[in-house]
PDB file of all heavy atoms in Angstrom:
ATOM      1  N   ASP A   1       8.301 -32.039  -6.928  1.00  0.00           N
ATOM      2  CA  ASP A   1       8.370 -30.769  -7.650  1.00  0.00           C
ATOM      3  C   ASP A   1       7.300 -29.854  -7.056  1.00  0.00           C
ATOM      4  O   ASP A   1       6.136 -29.902  -7.445  1.00  0.00           O
ATOM      5  CB  ASP A   1       8.137 -31.001  -9.144  1.00  0.00           C
ATOM      6  CG  ASP A   1       8.450 -29.766  -9.975  1.00  0.00           C
ATOM      7  OD1 ASP A   1       8.628 -28.680  -9.376  1.00  0.00           O
ATOM      8  OD2 ASP A   1       8.518 -29.881 -11.212  1.00  0.00           O
ATOM      9  N   ILE A   2       7.714 -29.028  -6.109  1.00  0.00           N
ATOM     10  CA  ILE A   2       6.787 -28.173  -5.376  1.00  0.00           C
ATOM     11  C   ILE A   2       6.742 -26.803  -6.042  1.00  0.00           C
ATOM     12  O   ILE A   2       7.718 -26.051  -6.012  1.00  0.00           O
ATOM     13  CB  ILE A   2       7.199 -28.026  -3.891  1.00  0.00           C
ATOM     14  CG1 ILE A   2       7.460 -29.403  -3.278  1.00  0.00           C
ATOM     15  CG2 ILE A   2       6.142 -27.271  -3.121  1.00  0.00           C
ATOM     16  CD1 ILE A   2       6.277 -30.328  -3.298  1.00  0.00           C
ATOM     17  N   SER A   3       5.591 -26.460  -6.628  1.00  0.00           N
ATOM     18  CA  SER A   3       5.484 -25.219  -7.401  1.00  0.00           C
ATOM     19  C   SER A   3       4.904 -24.061  -6.605  1.00  0.00           C
ATOM     20  O   SER A   3       4.847 -22.938  -7.104  1.00  0.00           O
ATOM     21  CB  SER A   3       4.623 -25.459  -8.653  1.00  0.00           C
ATOM     22  OG  SER A   3       3.321 -25.896  -8.292  1.00  0.00           O
ATOM     23  N   GLN A   4       4.455 -24.297  -5.371  1.00  0.00           N
ATOM     24  CA  GLN A   4       4.020 -23.194  -4.510  1.00  0.00           C
ATOM     25  C   GLN A   4       4.090 -23.636  -3.051  1.00  0.00           C
ATOM     26  O   GLN A   4       3.982 -24.823  -2.736  1.00  0.00           O
ATOM     27  CB  GLN A   4       2.611 -22.718  -4.850  1.00  0.00           C
ATOM     28  CG  GLN A   4       1.479 -23.512  -4.227  1.00  0.00           C
ATOM     29  CD  GLN A   4       0.135 -22.790  -4.287  1.00  0.00           C
ATOM     30  OE1 GLN A   4      -0.008 -21.687  -4.842  1.00  0.00           O
ATOM     31  NE2 GLN A   4      -0.886 -23.389  -3.709  1.00  0.00           N
ATOM     32  N   LEU A   5       4.282 -22.659  -2.173  1.00  0.00           N
ATOM     33  CA  LEU A   5       4.265 -22.889  -0.732  1.00  0.00           C
ATOM     34  C   LEU A   5       3.450 -21.761  -0.098  1.00  0.00           C
ATOM     35  O   LEU A   5       3.787 -20.590  -0.245  1.00  0.00           O
ATOM     36  CB  LEU A   5       5.689 -22.915  -0.171  1.00  0.00           C
ATOM     37  CG  LEU A   5       6.510 -24.154  -0.551  1.00  0.00           C
ATOM     38  CD1 LEU A   5       7.984 -23.931  -0.252  1.00  0.00           C
ATOM     39  CD2 LEU A   5       6.003 -25.382   0.184  1.00  0.00           C
ATOM     40  N   LEU A   6       2.386 -22.125   0.589  1.00  0.00           N
ATOM     41  CA  LEU A   6       1.467 -21.118   1.132  1.00  0.00           C
ATOM     42  C   LEU A   6       1.964 -20.588   2.478  1.00  0.00           C
ATOM     43  O   LEU A   6       2.436 -21.353   3.321  1.00  0.00           O
ATOM     44  CB  LEU A   6       0.070 -21.715   1.306  1.00  0.00           C
ATOM     45  CG  LEU A   6      -0.619 -22.192   0.029  1.00  0.00           C
ATOM     46  CD1 LEU A   6      -1.959 -22.830   0.364  1.00  0.00           C
ATOM     47  CD2 LEU A   6      -0.812 -21.038  -0.949  1.00  0.00           C
ATOM     48  N   PRO A   7       1.842 -19.280   2.699  1.00  0.00           N
ATOM     49  CA  PRO A   7       2.191 -18.696   4.000  1.00  0.00           C
ATOM     50  C   PRO A   7       1.029 -18.865   4.978  1.00  0.00           C
ATOM     51  O   PRO A   7      -0.068 -19.282   4.583  1.00  0.00           O
ATOM     52  CB  PRO A   7       2.405 -17.216   3.655  1.00  0.00           C
ATOM     53  CG  PRO A   7       1.450 -16.980   2.525  1.00  0.00           C
ATOM     54  CD  PRO A   7       1.418 -18.259   1.723  1.00  0.00           C
ATOM     55  N   PRO A   8       1.238 -18.540   6.250  1.00  0.00           N
ATOM     56  CA  PRO A   8       0.127 -18.605   7.215  1.00  0.00           C
ATOM     57  C   PRO A   8      -0.981 -17.627   6.841  1.00  0.00           C
ATOM     58  O   PRO A   8      -0.749 -16.633   6.155  1.00  0.00           O
ATOM     59  CB  PRO A   8       0.790 -18.216   8.546  1.00  0.00           C
ATOM     60  CG  PRO A   8       2.244 -18.398   8.322  1.00  0.00           C
ATOM     61  CD  PRO A   8       2.499 -18.138   6.872  1.00  0.00           C
ATOM     62  N   ILE A   9      -2.182 -17.921   7.308  1.00  0.00           N
ATOM     63  CA  ILE A   9      -3.302 -17.010   7.081  1.00  0.00           C
ATOM     64  C   ILE A   9      -3.135 -15.794   7.975  1.00  0.00           C
ATOM     65  O   ILE A   9      -2.923 -15.910   9.185  1.00  0.00           O
ATOM     66  CB  ILE A   9      -4.650 -17.705   7.375  1.00  0.00           C
ATOM     67  CG1 ILE A   9      -4.887 -18.827   6.371  1.00  0.00           C
ATOM     68  CG2 ILE A   9      -5.794 -16.703   7.334  1.00  0.00           C
ATOM     69  CD1 ILE A   9      -6.152 -19.608   6.620  1.00  0.00           C
ATOM     70  N   LYS A  10      -3.214 -14.635   7.360  1.00  0.00           N
ATOM     71  CA  LYS A  10      -3.058 -13.394   8.108  1.00  0.00           C
ATOM     72  C   LYS A  10      -4.397 -12.989   8.702  1.00  0.00           C
ATOM     73  O   LYS A  10      -5.368 -12.750   7.994  1.00  0.00           O
ATOM     74  CB  LYS A  10      -2.533 -12.289   7.183  1.00  0.00           C
ATOM     75  CG  LYS A  10      -2.189 -11.001   7.899  1.00  0.00           C
ATOM     76  CD  LYS A  10      -1.602  -9.991   6.915  1.00  0.00           C
ATOM     77  CE  LYS A  10      -1.244  -8.688   7.624  1.00  0.00           C
ATOM     78  NZ  LYS A  10      -0.682  -7.697   6.673  1.00  0.00           N
ATOM     79  N   GLU A  11      -4.443 -12.936  10.026  1.00  0.00           N
ATOM     80  CA  GLU A  11      -5.674 -12.559  10.709  1.00  0.00           C
ATOM     81  C   GLU A  11      -5.950 -11.066  10.533  1.00  0.00           C
ATOM     82  O   GLU A  11      -5.042 -10.242  10.689  1.00  0.00           O
ATOM     83  CB  GLU A  11      -5.579 -12.874  12.210  1.00  0.00           C
ATOM     84  CG  GLU A  11      -5.471 -14.351  12.518  1.00  0.00           C
ATOM     85  CD  GLU A  11      -6.755 -15.096  12.225  1.00  0.00           C
ATOM     86  OE1 GLU A  11      -7.816 -14.431  12.129  1.00  0.00           O
ATOM     87  OE2 GLU A  11      -6.711 -16.322  12.057  1.00  0.00           O
ATOM     88  N   PRO A  12      -7.176 -10.683  10.192  1.00  0.00           N
ATOM     89  CA  PRO A  12      -7.499  -9.251  10.071  1.00  0.00           C
ATOM     90  C   PRO A  12      -7.399  -8.554  11.420  1.00  0.00           C
ATOM     91  O   PRO A  12      -7.782  -9.102  12.454  1.00  0.00           O
ATOM     92  CB  PRO A  12      -8.943  -9.267   9.554  1.00  0.00           C
ATOM     93  CG  PRO A  12      -9.491 -10.584   9.974  1.00  0.00           C
ATOM     94  CD  PRO A  12      -8.350 -11.548   9.939  1.00  0.00           C
ATOM     95  N   GLU A  13      -6.854  -7.360  11.393  1.00  0.00           N
ATOM     96  CA  GLU A  13      -6.693  -6.600  12.631  1.00  0.00           C
ATOM     97  C   GLU A  13      -8.021  -6.021  13.091  1.00  0.00           C
ATOM     98  O   GLU A  13      -8.819  -5.526  12.297  1.00  0.00           O
ATOM     99  CB  GLU A  13      -5.678  -5.477  12.424  1.00  0.00           C
ATOM    100  CG  GLU A  13      -4.263  -5.979  12.155  1.00  0.00           C
ATOM    101  CD  GLU A  13      -3.292  -4.810  12.036  1.00  0.00           C
ATOM    102  OE1 GLU A  13      -3.760  -3.690  11.714  1.00  0.00           O
ATOM    103  OE2 GLU A  13      -2.092  -5.008  12.261  1.00  0.00           O
ATOM    104  N   LYS A  14      -8.249  -6.134  14.392  1.00  0.00           N
ATOM    105  CA  LYS A  14      -9.468  -5.567  14.957  1.00  0.00           C
ATOM    106  C   LYS A  14      -9.312  -4.060  15.127  1.00  0.00           C
ATOM    107  O   LYS A  14      -8.207  -3.527  15.182  1.00  0.00           O
ATOM    108  CB  LYS A  14      -9.742  -6.220  16.311  1.00  0.00           C
ATOM    109  CG  LYS A  14      -9.941  -7.726  16.225  1.00  0.00           C
ATOM    110  CD  LYS A  14     -10.150  -8.303  17.613  1.00  0.00           C
ATOM    111  CE  LYS A  14     -10.304  -9.828  17.536  1.00  0.00           C
ATOM    112  NZ  LYS A  14     -10.486 -10.413  18.891  1.00  0.00           N
ATOM    113  N   GLU A  15     -10.451  -3.380  15.237  1.00  0.00           N
ATOM    114  CA  GLU A  15     -10.417  -1.922  15.359  1.00  0.00           C
ATOM    115  C   GLU A  15      -9.658  -1.475  16.598  1.00  0.00           C
ATOM    116  O   GLU A  15      -8.893  -0.515  16.559  1.00  0.00           O
ATOM    117  CB  GLU A  15     -11.845  -1.372  15.402  1.00  0.00           C
ATOM    118  CG  GLU A  15     -12.607  -1.553  14.089  1.00  0.00           C
ATOM    119  CD  GLU A  15     -13.973  -0.897  14.142  1.00  0.00           C
ATOM    120  OE1 GLU A  15     -14.254  -0.225  15.164  1.00  0.00           O
ATOM    121  OE2 GLU A  15     -14.740  -1.048  13.178  1.00  0.00           O
ATOM    122  N   GLU A  16      -9.832  -2.209  17.700  1.00  0.00           N
ATOM    123  CA  GLU A  16      -9.130  -1.791  18.919  1.00  0.00           C
ATOM    124  C   GLU A  16      -7.628  -2.011  18.784  1.00  0.00           C
ATOM    125  O   GLU A  16      -6.828  -1.268  19.355  1.00  0.00           O
ATOM    126  CB  GLU A  16      -9.670  -2.540  20.143  1.00  0.00           C
ATOM    127  CG  GLU A  16      -9.620  -4.066  20.039  1.00  0.00           C
ATOM    128  CD  GLU A  16     -10.920  -4.619  19.489  1.00  0.00           C
ATOM    129  OE1 GLU A  16     -11.620  -3.867  18.768  1.00  0.00           O
ATOM    130  OE2 GLU A  16     -11.240  -5.777  19.793  1.00  0.00           O
ATOM    131  N   ASP A  17      -7.235  -3.041  17.989  1.00  0.00           N
ATOM    132  CA  ASP A  17      -5.813  -3.264  17.770  1.00  0.00           C
ATOM    133  C   ASP A  17      -5.216  -2.138  16.943  1.00  0.00           C
ATOM    134  O   ASP A  17      -4.080  -1.708  17.167  1.00  0.00           O
ATOM    135  CB  ASP A  17      -5.588  -4.595  17.054  1.00  0.00           C
ATOM    136  CG  ASP A  17      -5.937  -5.777  17.948  1.00  0.00           C
ATOM    137  OD1 ASP A  17      -6.037  -5.557  19.171  1.00  0.00           O
ATOM    138  OD2 ASP A  17      -6.113  -6.897  17.425  1.00  0.00           O
ATOM    139  N   LEU A  18      -5.996  -1.670  15.954  1.00  0.00           N
ATOM    140  CA  LEU A  18      -5.521  -0.559  15.141  1.00  0.00           C
ATOM    141  C   LEU A  18      -5.395   0.714  15.960  1.00  0.00           C
ATOM    142  O   LEU A  18      -4.474   1.501  15.786  1.00  0.00           O
ATOM    143  CB  LEU A  18      -6.475  -0.338  13.957  1.00  0.00           C
ATOM    144  CG  LEU A  18      -6.527  -1.464  12.907  1.00  0.00           C
ATOM    145  CD1 LEU A  18      -7.638  -1.192  11.906  1.00  0.00           C
ATOM    146  CD2 LEU A  18      -5.194  -1.585  12.198  1.00  0.00           C
ATOM    147  N   GLU A  19      -6.350   0.914  16.878  1.00  0.00           N
ATOM    148  CA  GLU A  19      -6.373   2.138  17.677  1.00  0.00           C
ATOM    149  C   GLU A  19      -5.258   2.157  18.707  1.00  0.00           C
ATOM    150  O   GLU A  19      -4.630   3.183  18.958  1.00  0.00           O
ATOM    151  CB  GLU A  19      -7.733   2.265  18.359  1.00  0.00           C
ATOM    152  CG  GLU A  19      -7.898   3.579  19.117  1.00  0.00           C
ATOM    153  CD  GLU A  19      -9.280   3.701  19.706  1.00  0.00           C
ATOM    154  OE1 GLU A  19     -10.142   2.833  19.403  1.00  0.00           O
ATOM    155  OE2 GLU A  19      -9.514   4.677  20.451  1.00  0.00           O
ATOM    156  N   TYR A  20      -4.998   0.983  19.311  1.00  0.00           N
ATOM    157  CA  TYR A  20      -3.991   0.940  20.360  1.00  0.00           C
ATOM    158  C   TYR A  20      -2.818   0.032  19.961  1.00  0.00           C
ATOM    159  O   TYR A  20      -2.184  -0.601  20.806  1.00  0.00           O
ATOM    160  CB  TYR A  20      -4.615   0.381  21.654  1.00  0.00           C
ATOM    161  CG  TYR A  20      -5.791   1.176  22.132  1.00  0.00           C
ATOM    162  CD1 TYR A  20      -7.092   0.690  21.961  1.00  0.00           C
ATOM    163  CD2 TYR A  20      -5.606   2.425  22.721  1.00  0.00           C
ATOM    164  CE1 TYR A  20      -8.178   1.424  22.387  1.00  0.00           C
ATOM    165  CE2 TYR A  20      -6.694   3.159  23.159  1.00  0.00           C
ATOM    166  CZ  TYR A  20      -7.985   2.662  22.994  1.00  0.00           C
ATOM    167  OH  TYR A  20      -9.055   3.379  23.413  1.00  0.00           O
ATOM    168  N   GLY A  21      -2.557  -0.013  18.629  1.00  0.00           N
ATOM    169  CA  GLY A  21      -1.536  -0.913  18.119  1.00  0.00           C
ATOM    170  C   GLY A  21      -0.186  -0.736  18.749  1.00  0.00           C
ATOM    171  O   GLY A  21       0.493  -1.694  19.131  1.00  0.00           O
ATOM    172  N   SER A  22       0.252   0.514  18.936  1.00  0.00           N
ATOM    173  CA  SER A  22       1.589   0.760  19.480  1.00  0.00           C
ATOM    174  C   SER A  22       1.729   0.251  20.894  1.00  0.00           C
ATOM    175  O   SER A  22       2.799  -0.151  21.332  1.00  0.00           O
ATOM    176  CB  SER A  22       1.904   2.266  19.415  1.00  0.00           C
ATOM    177  OG  SER A  22       0.941   2.993  20.165  1.00  0.00           O
ATOM    178  N   GLU A  23       0.624   0.263  21.648  1.00  0.00           N
ATOM    179  CA  GLU A  23       0.685  -0.189  23.031  1.00  0.00           C
ATOM    180  C   GLU A  23       0.673  -1.715  23.112  1.00  0.00           C
ATOM    181  O   GLU A  23       1.162  -2.299  24.083  1.00  0.00           O
ATOM    182  CB  GLU A  23      -0.513   0.372  23.806  1.00  0.00           C
ATOM    183  CG  GLU A  23      -0.544   1.896  23.852  1.00  0.00           C
ATOM    184  CD  GLU A  23      -1.801   2.403  24.556  1.00  0.00           C
ATOM    185  OE1 GLU A  23      -2.506   1.546  25.128  1.00  0.00           O
ATOM    186  OE2 GLU A  23      -2.061   3.604  24.518  1.00  0.00           O
ATOM    187  N   LEU A  24       0.122  -2.384  22.067  1.00  0.00           N
ATOM    188  CA  LEU A  24      -0.021  -3.831  22.108  1.00  0.00           C
ATOM    189  C   LEU A  24       1.175  -4.566  21.533  1.00  0.00           C
ATOM    190  O   LEU A  24       1.279  -5.788  21.665  1.00  0.00           O
ATOM    191  CB  LEU A  24      -1.272  -4.252  21.330  1.00  0.00           C
ATOM    192  CG  LEU A  24      -2.607  -3.765  21.909  1.00  0.00           C
ATOM    193  CD1 LEU A  24      -3.723  -4.122  20.943  1.00  0.00           C
ATOM    194  CD2 LEU A  24      -2.862  -4.388  23.275  1.00  0.00           C
ATOM    195  N   VAL A  25       2.095  -3.858  20.914  1.00  0.00           N
ATOM    196  CA  VAL A  25       3.220  -4.500  20.265  1.00  0.00           C
ATOM    197  C   VAL A  25       4.030  -5.322  21.257  1.00  0.00           C
ATOM    198  O   VAL A  25       4.346  -6.488  21.046  1.00  0.00           O
ATOM    199  CB  VAL A  25       4.126  -3.463  19.562  1.00  0.00           C
ATOM    200  CG1 VAL A  25       5.432  -4.107  19.141  1.00  0.00           C
ATOM    201  CG2 VAL A  25       3.413  -2.885  18.361  1.00  0.00           C
ATOM    202  N   SER A  26       4.358  -4.737  22.384  1.00  0.00           N
ATOM    203  CA  SER A  26       5.191  -5.425  23.357  1.00  0.00           C
ATOM    204  C   SER A  26       4.479  -6.623  23.963  1.00  0.00           C
ATOM    205  O   SER A  26       5.102  -7.623  24.306  1.00  0.00           O
ATOM    206  CB  SER A  26       5.610  -4.454  24.471  1.00  0.00           C
ATOM    207  OG  SER A  26       4.460  -3.923  25.105  1.00  0.00           O
ATOM    208  N   ASP A  27       3.151  -6.535  24.093  1.00  0.00           N
ATOM    209  CA  ASP A  27       2.405  -7.635  24.688  1.00  0.00           C
ATOM    210  C   ASP A  27       2.268  -8.812  23.729  1.00  0.00           C
ATOM    211  O   ASP A  27       2.226  -9.961  24.143  1.00  0.00           O
ATOM    212  CB  ASP A  27       0.999  -7.160  25.093  1.00  0.00           C
ATOM    213  CG  ASP A  27       1.060  -6.089  26.174  1.00  0.00           C
ATOM    214  OD1 ASP A  27       2.058  -6.091  26.932  1.00  0.00           O
ATOM    215  OD2 ASP A  27       0.129  -5.268  26.237  1.00  0.00           O
ATOM    216  N   ASN A  28       2.212  -8.536  22.411  1.00  0.00           N
ATOM    217  CA  ASN A  28       1.938  -9.579  21.434  1.00  0.00           C
ATOM    218  C   ASN A  28       3.143  -9.936  20.574  1.00  0.00           C
ATOM    219  O   ASN A  28       3.017 -10.629  19.579  1.00  0.00           O
ATOM    220  CB  ASN A  28       0.786  -9.140  20.500  1.00  0.00           C
ATOM    221  CG  ASN A  28      -0.507  -8.906  21.262  1.00  0.00           C
ATOM    222  OD1 ASN A  28      -0.724  -9.502  22.303  1.00  0.00           O
ATOM    223  ND2 ASN A  28      -1.340  -8.031  20.723  1.00  0.00           N
TER     224      ASN A  28
END
């Protein structure tokens, strides 16, 4: 009887990722 299932830990975005996020989408 499984009452919860945890998702992966979401890594906080770095400032450079936020600044150049659109350019990094294809790479990551």
